[in-house]
Amino acid sequence: MPSLTLLADRGQPTDQYRLPAEKRLEGDPLQSLWLDYEDGSGVFAVGHWHSEVGKWRVNYTEEEYCQILEGVNLVTDDQGHATRLGPGSSFVVPRGFQGTWEVLEPTLKRFVVYEAKGG
């Protein structure tokens, strides 16, 4: 029988990276990822993400729940609808969402991602 998985303090990032030039619109922000849990199949993951200031294109192939812990962001869909997000903001980005993500102040978010296979 499976048991609970306790999520530990973040410690060192699992990964640090910069986005490819073709996605970046402003800046070259360093992004850090702490992967707190993966289900082993690559479908479900939980963790934390941090980004420096910048702006880039997004095209979601997954469903993502987010909670902003620190920082201010502006997420704009391809129709021009902009949503300002700051500490305490909780939201879901649906699969198929396209637009831009702009980090106005260095940001830390908690995330839960589900990406269905083959569909």
N, C-alpha and C. Protein backbone atom coordinates (compact mmCIF):
# COMPACT_ATOMS: atom_id res chain seq x y z
N MET A 1 0.85 -1.18 0.00
CA MET A 1 0.00 0.00 0.00
C MET A 1 0.90 1.24 0.00
N PRO A 2 0.62 2.21 -0.88
CA PRO A 2 1.42 3.44 -0.90
C PRO A 2 1.27 4.22 0.40
N SER A 3 2.31 4.95 0.73
CA SER A 3 2.27 5.80 1.92
C SER A 3 2.38 7.27 1.51
N LEU A 4 2.18 8.15 2.48
CA LEU A 4 2.28 9.58 2.21
C LEU A 4 3.71 9.96 1.84
N THR A 5 3.83 10.97 1.03
CA THR A 5 5.13 11.56 0.72
C THR A 5 5.15 12.95 1.33
N LEU A 6 6.02 13.17 2.30
CA LEU A 6 6.16 14.48 2.91
C LEU A 6 7.05 15.34 2.04
N LEU A 7 6.63 16.57 1.81
CA LEU A 7 7.41 17.48 0.98
C LEU A 7 8.38 18.24 1.87
N ALA A 8 9.66 18.08 1.60
CA ALA A 8 10.72 18.64 2.44
C ALA A 8 10.99 20.10 2.09
N ASP A 9 11.83 20.74 2.90
CA ASP A 9 12.31 22.08 2.57
C ASP A 9 13.03 22.02 1.23
N ARG A 10 13.06 23.14 0.53
CA ARG A 10 13.56 23.15 -0.84
C ARG A 10 15.04 22.78 -0.97
N GLY A 11 15.91 23.29 -0.14
CA GLY A 11 17.33 22.99 -0.30
C GLY A 11 17.86 23.46 -1.65
N GLN A 12 18.73 22.68 -2.25
CA GLN A 12 19.32 23.03 -3.54
C GLN A 12 18.34 22.74 -4.68
N PRO A 13 18.33 23.59 -5.72
CA PRO A 13 17.42 23.34 -6.85
C PRO A 13 17.74 22.02 -7.54
N THR A 14 16.69 21.39 -8.05
CA THR A 14 16.83 20.19 -8.86
C THR A 14 17.45 20.54 -10.21
N ASP A 15 17.09 21.73 -10.72
CA ASP A 15 17.56 22.17 -12.03
C ASP A 15 17.58 23.69 -12.07
N GLN A 16 18.50 24.26 -12.83
CA GLN A 16 18.52 25.69 -13.13
C GLN A 16 18.75 25.82 -14.62
N TYR A 17 18.05 26.78 -15.24
CA TYR A 17 18.12 26.89 -16.70
C TYR A 17 17.71 28.29 -17.15
N ARG A 18 18.00 28.57 -18.40
CA ARG A 18 17.53 29.78 -19.07
C ARG A 18 16.72 29.32 -20.28
N LEU A 19 15.67 30.06 -20.58
CA LEU A 19 14.79 29.69 -21.69
C LEU A 19 15.51 29.85 -23.02
N PRO A 20 15.10 29.06 -24.03
CA PRO A 20 15.67 29.23 -25.37
C PRO A 20 15.37 30.63 -25.90
N ALA A 21 16.28 31.16 -26.69
CA ALA A 21 16.16 32.52 -27.22
C ALA A 21 14.85 32.74 -27.96
N GLU A 22 14.35 31.72 -28.66
CA GLU A 22 13.12 31.88 -29.45
C GLU A 22 11.87 32.08 -28.59
N LYS A 23 11.92 31.74 -27.31
CA LYS A 23 10.78 31.96 -26.41
C LYS A 23 10.87 33.30 -25.68
N ARG A 24 12.09 33.81 -25.48
CA ARG A 24 12.29 35.02 -24.69
C ARG A 24 11.85 36.27 -25.45
N LEU A 25 11.13 37.14 -24.75
CA LEU A 25 10.72 38.42 -25.31
C LEU A 25 11.45 39.58 -24.65
N GLU A 26 11.75 39.44 -23.35
CA GLU A 26 12.50 40.46 -22.60
C GLU A 26 13.37 39.76 -21.58
N GLY A 27 14.62 40.17 -21.49
CA GLY A 27 15.52 39.63 -20.49
C GLY A 27 15.99 38.22 -20.82
N ASP A 28 16.77 37.67 -19.91
CA ASP A 28 17.29 36.31 -20.01
C ASP A 28 17.29 35.72 -18.60
N PRO A 29 16.08 35.56 -18.02
CA PRO A 29 15.99 35.21 -16.60
C PRO A 29 16.49 33.79 -16.29
N LEU A 30 17.26 33.70 -15.20
CA LEU A 30 17.62 32.40 -14.67
C LEU A 30 16.40 31.84 -13.96
N GLN A 31 16.05 30.59 -14.27
CA GLN A 31 14.92 29.93 -13.62
C GLN A 31 15.44 28.72 -12.86
N SER A 32 14.86 28.50 -11.68
CA SER A 32 15.26 27.39 -10.81
C SER A 32 14.05 26.52 -10.53
N LEU A 33 14.27 25.22 -10.48
CA LEU A 33 13.20 24.26 -10.27
C LEU A 33 13.57 23.34 -9.11
N TRP A 34 12.64 23.18 -8.19
CA TRP A 34 12.76 22.21 -7.10
C TRP A 34 11.65 21.20 -7.32
N LEU A 35 11.98 20.01 -7.73
CA LEU A 35 10.98 18.97 -7.97
C LEU A 35 10.81 18.19 -6.67
N ASP A 36 9.69 18.43 -5.99
CA ASP A 36 9.43 17.83 -4.68
C ASP A 36 8.85 16.42 -4.78
N TYR A 37 8.13 16.15 -5.88
CA TYR A 37 7.51 14.84 -6.05
C TYR A 37 7.25 14.59 -7.53
N GLU A 38 7.52 13.37 -7.98
CA GLU A 38 7.14 12.89 -9.31
C GLU A 38 6.50 11.53 -9.14
N ASP A 39 5.50 11.25 -9.96
CA ASP A 39 4.80 9.97 -9.81
C ASP A 39 5.51 8.80 -10.48
N GLY A 40 6.60 9.04 -11.18
CA GLY A 40 7.34 7.95 -11.81
C GLY A 40 6.94 7.71 -13.25
N SER A 41 5.78 8.19 -13.66
CA SER A 41 5.33 7.99 -15.04
C SER A 41 5.52 9.24 -15.90
N GLY A 42 5.91 10.34 -15.27
CA GLY A 42 6.07 11.59 -16.00
C GLY A 42 4.77 12.33 -16.23
N VAL A 43 3.70 11.90 -15.56
CA VAL A 43 2.38 12.50 -15.75
C VAL A 43 2.08 13.55 -14.68
N PHE A 44 2.53 13.34 -13.45
CA PHE A 44 2.15 14.18 -12.32
C PHE A 44 3.40 14.61 -11.56
N ALA A 45 3.48 15.90 -11.24
CA ALA A 45 4.64 16.40 -10.49
C ALA A 45 4.22 17.58 -9.61
N VAL A 46 4.97 17.75 -8.52
CA VAL A 46 4.74 18.84 -7.56
C VAL A 46 6.09 19.47 -7.26
N GLY A 47 6.12 20.79 -7.13
CA GLY A 47 7.38 21.42 -6.80
C GLY A 47 7.28 22.92 -6.62
N HIS A 48 8.43 23.55 -6.67
CA HIS A 48 8.56 25.00 -6.58
C HIS A 48 9.37 25.48 -7.78
N TRP A 49 9.10 26.70 -8.20
CA TRP A 49 9.78 27.31 -9.33
C TRP A 49 10.12 28.74 -8.96
N HIS A 50 11.30 29.18 -9.35
CA HIS A 50 11.72 30.57 -9.12
C HIS A 50 12.22 31.14 -10.44
N SER A 51 11.90 32.41 -10.69
CA SER A 51 12.40 33.08 -11.88
C SER A 51 12.81 34.50 -11.57
N GLU A 52 13.88 34.92 -12.24
CA GLU A 52 14.27 36.32 -12.25
C GLU A 52 13.34 37.08 -13.19
N VAL A 53 13.46 38.40 -13.22
CA VAL A 53 12.63 39.26 -14.07
C VAL A 53 12.86 38.95 -15.55
N GLY A 54 11.76 38.89 -16.31
CA GLY A 54 11.82 38.66 -17.75
C GLY A 54 10.43 38.40 -18.30
N LYS A 55 10.36 38.19 -19.61
CA LYS A 55 9.08 37.93 -20.28
C LYS A 55 9.33 36.93 -21.40
N TRP A 56 8.40 35.97 -21.55
CA TRP A 56 8.56 34.93 -22.56
C TRP A 56 7.21 34.40 -23.01
N ARG A 57 7.23 33.71 -24.15
CA ARG A 57 6.04 33.06 -24.70
C ARG A 57 5.80 31.75 -23.95
N VAL A 58 4.52 31.43 -23.72
CA VAL A 58 4.15 30.15 -23.12
C VAL A 58 3.13 29.45 -24.00
N ASN A 59 3.21 28.13 -24.02
CA ASN A 59 2.27 27.28 -24.75
C ASN A 59 2.12 26.01 -23.91
N TYR A 60 1.06 25.95 -23.12
CA TYR A 60 0.90 24.87 -22.14
C TYR A 60 0.36 23.59 -22.78
N THR A 61 1.11 22.50 -22.62
CA THR A 61 0.66 21.17 -23.03
C THR A 61 0.16 20.39 -21.82
N GLU A 62 0.28 20.99 -20.64
CA GLU A 62 -0.11 20.37 -19.37
C GLU A 62 -1.14 21.24 -18.66
N GLU A 63 -1.76 20.67 -17.63
CA GLU A 63 -2.61 21.42 -16.71
C GLU A 63 -1.72 21.77 -15.52
N GLU A 64 -1.78 23.04 -15.06
CA GLU A 64 -0.91 23.42 -13.94
C GLU A 64 -1.67 24.27 -12.94
N TYR A 65 -1.64 23.82 -11.68
CA TYR A 65 -2.12 24.63 -10.55
C TYR A 65 -0.90 25.39 -10.03
N CYS A 66 -1.08 26.68 -9.76
CA CYS A 66 0.01 27.51 -9.25
C CYS A 66 -0.45 28.32 -8.05
N GLN A 67 0.47 28.57 -7.15
CA GLN A 67 0.26 29.51 -6.06
C GLN A 67 1.51 30.37 -5.98
N ILE A 68 1.33 31.68 -6.16
CA ILE A 68 2.47 32.60 -6.08
C ILE A 68 2.78 32.84 -4.60
N LEU A 69 4.03 32.58 -4.23
CA LEU A 69 4.48 32.77 -2.85
C LEU A 69 5.21 34.10 -2.69
N GLU A 70 5.94 34.50 -3.72
CA GLU A 70 6.69 35.76 -3.71
C GLU A 70 6.71 36.32 -5.12
N GLY A 71 6.70 37.65 -5.23
CA GLY A 71 6.88 38.28 -6.53
C GLY A 71 5.58 38.69 -7.20
N VAL A 72 5.73 39.40 -8.32
CA VAL A 72 4.59 39.90 -9.09
C VAL A 72 4.78 39.50 -10.54
N ASN A 73 3.68 39.03 -11.16
CA ASN A 73 3.70 38.53 -12.53
C ASN A 73 2.52 39.08 -13.30
N LEU A 74 2.67 39.12 -14.61
CA LEU A 74 1.59 39.49 -15.51
C LEU A 74 1.49 38.39 -16.56
N VAL A 75 0.38 37.65 -16.55
CA VAL A 75 0.16 36.58 -17.52
C VAL A 75 -0.91 37.05 -18.48
N THR A 76 -0.60 37.02 -19.77
CA THR A 76 -1.49 37.56 -20.80
C THR A 76 -1.77 36.48 -21.83
N ASP A 77 -3.06 36.24 -22.12
CA ASP A 77 -3.39 35.25 -23.15
C ASP A 77 -3.27 35.87 -24.53
N ASP A 78 -3.35 35.04 -25.57
CA ASP A 78 -3.18 35.52 -26.94
C ASP A 78 -4.30 36.46 -27.40
N GLN A 79 -5.38 36.55 -26.64
CA GLN A 79 -6.46 37.50 -26.96
C GLN A 79 -6.21 38.85 -26.29
N GLY A 80 -5.15 38.95 -25.49
CA GLY A 80 -4.80 40.21 -24.84
C GLY A 80 -5.33 40.39 -23.44
N HIS A 81 -5.99 39.37 -22.87
CA HIS A 81 -6.49 39.46 -21.50
C HIS A 81 -5.33 39.24 -20.52
N ALA A 82 -5.02 40.27 -19.74
CA ALA A 82 -3.89 40.21 -18.81
C ALA A 82 -4.38 40.02 -17.38
N THR A 83 -3.67 39.18 -16.63
CA THR A 83 -3.99 38.94 -15.22
C THR A 83 -2.73 39.19 -14.41
N ARG A 84 -2.84 40.09 -13.44
CA ARG A 84 -1.73 40.40 -12.54
C ARG A 84 -1.81 39.43 -11.36
N LEU A 85 -0.70 38.80 -11.03
CA LEU A 85 -0.64 37.78 -10.00
C LEU A 85 0.46 38.10 -9.01
N GLY A 86 0.13 38.04 -7.72
CA GLY A 86 1.11 38.32 -6.68
C GLY A 86 0.98 37.33 -5.54
N PRO A 87 1.71 37.56 -4.45
CA PRO A 87 1.69 36.64 -3.32
C PRO A 87 0.26 36.31 -2.88
N GLY A 88 -0.02 35.02 -2.77
CA GLY A 88 -1.35 34.56 -2.38
C GLY A 88 -2.24 34.20 -3.56
N SER A 89 -1.88 34.64 -4.77
CA SER A 89 -2.69 34.30 -5.95
C SER A 89 -2.59 32.80 -6.21
N SER A 90 -3.75 32.15 -6.34
CA SER A 90 -3.83 30.74 -6.69
C SER A 90 -4.65 30.64 -7.96
N PHE A 91 -4.19 29.83 -8.91
CA PHE A 91 -4.87 29.78 -10.21
C PHE A 91 -4.49 28.50 -10.94
N VAL A 92 -5.24 28.20 -11.99
CA VAL A 92 -4.97 27.05 -12.85
C VAL A 92 -4.72 27.57 -14.26
N VAL A 93 -3.66 27.07 -14.87
CA VAL A 93 -3.39 27.33 -16.28
C VAL A 93 -3.82 26.08 -17.03
N PRO A 94 -4.84 26.18 -17.90
CA PRO A 94 -5.33 24.99 -18.59
C PRO A 94 -4.43 24.57 -19.76
N ARG A 95 -4.46 23.29 -20.05
CA ARG A 95 -3.77 22.78 -21.24
C ARG A 95 -4.29 23.55 -22.45
N GLY A 96 -3.41 23.95 -23.33
CA GLY A 96 -3.79 24.70 -24.52
C GLY A 96 -3.64 26.21 -24.37
N PHE A 97 -3.40 26.69 -23.13
CA PHE A 97 -3.22 28.13 -22.93
C PHE A 97 -1.99 28.59 -23.69
N GLN A 98 -2.15 29.70 -24.42
CA GLN A 98 -1.03 30.32 -25.13
C GLN A 98 -1.01 31.80 -24.82
N GLY A 99 0.17 32.34 -24.66
CA GLY A 99 0.29 33.76 -24.37
C GLY A 99 1.68 34.09 -23.90
N THR A 100 1.76 35.05 -22.96
CA THR A 100 3.05 35.44 -22.40
C THR A 100 3.01 35.40 -20.88
N TRP A 101 4.15 35.15 -20.29
CA TRP A 101 4.34 35.19 -18.84
C TRP A 101 5.44 36.22 -18.60
N GLU A 102 5.11 37.24 -17.81
CA GLU A 102 6.07 38.28 -17.49
C GLU A 102 6.29 38.33 -15.98
N VAL A 103 7.52 38.14 -15.57
CA VAL A 103 7.90 38.26 -14.17
C VAL A 103 8.35 39.70 -13.95
N LEU A 104 7.55 40.45 -13.18
CA LEU A 104 7.84 41.86 -12.90
C LEU A 104 8.76 42.02 -11.69
N GLU A 105 8.66 41.09 -10.75
CA GLU A 105 9.54 41.02 -9.57
C GLU A 105 9.94 39.56 -9.42
N PRO A 106 11.18 39.28 -9.00
CA PRO A 106 11.58 37.88 -8.83
C PRO A 106 10.47 37.09 -8.12
N THR A 107 10.17 35.92 -8.66
CA THR A 107 8.98 35.16 -8.25
C THR A 107 9.32 33.75 -7.80
N LEU A 108 8.62 33.33 -6.74
CA LEU A 108 8.64 31.95 -6.28
C LEU A 108 7.21 31.45 -6.31
N LYS A 109 6.98 30.33 -6.99
CA LYS A 109 5.63 29.75 -7.03
C LYS A 109 5.70 28.28 -6.66
N ARG A 110 4.62 27.80 -6.08
CA ARG A 110 4.40 26.38 -5.83
C ARG A 110 3.55 25.89 -7.00
N PHE A 111 3.84 24.70 -7.50
CA PHE A 111 3.07 24.19 -8.65
C PHE A 111 2.72 22.72 -8.49
N VAL A 112 1.63 22.36 -9.16
CA VAL A 112 1.22 20.97 -9.34
C VAL A 112 0.90 20.82 -10.82
N VAL A 113 1.55 19.87 -11.49
CA VAL A 113 1.40 19.70 -12.94
C VAL A 113 0.85 18.32 -13.24
N TYR A 114 -0.13 18.29 -14.16
CA TYR A 114 -0.64 17.03 -14.70
C TYR A 114 -0.58 17.12 -16.22
N GLU A 115 0.13 16.18 -16.83
CA GLU A 115 0.21 16.15 -18.29
C GLU A 115 -0.16 14.75 -18.78
N ALA A 116 -1.36 14.65 -19.35
CA ALA A 116 -1.85 13.37 -19.84
C ALA A 116 -0.96 12.86 -20.97
N LYS A 117 -0.74 11.58 -20.99
CA LYS A 117 0.06 10.96 -22.05
C LYS A 117 -0.81 10.71 -23.28
N GLY A 118 -0.24 10.96 -24.44
CA GLY A 118 -0.89 10.61 -25.70
C GLY A 118 -2.16 11.36 -25.99
N GLY A 119 -2.35 12.53 -25.41
CA GLY A 119 -3.61 13.15 -25.71
C GLY A 119 -3.62 14.58 -25.69
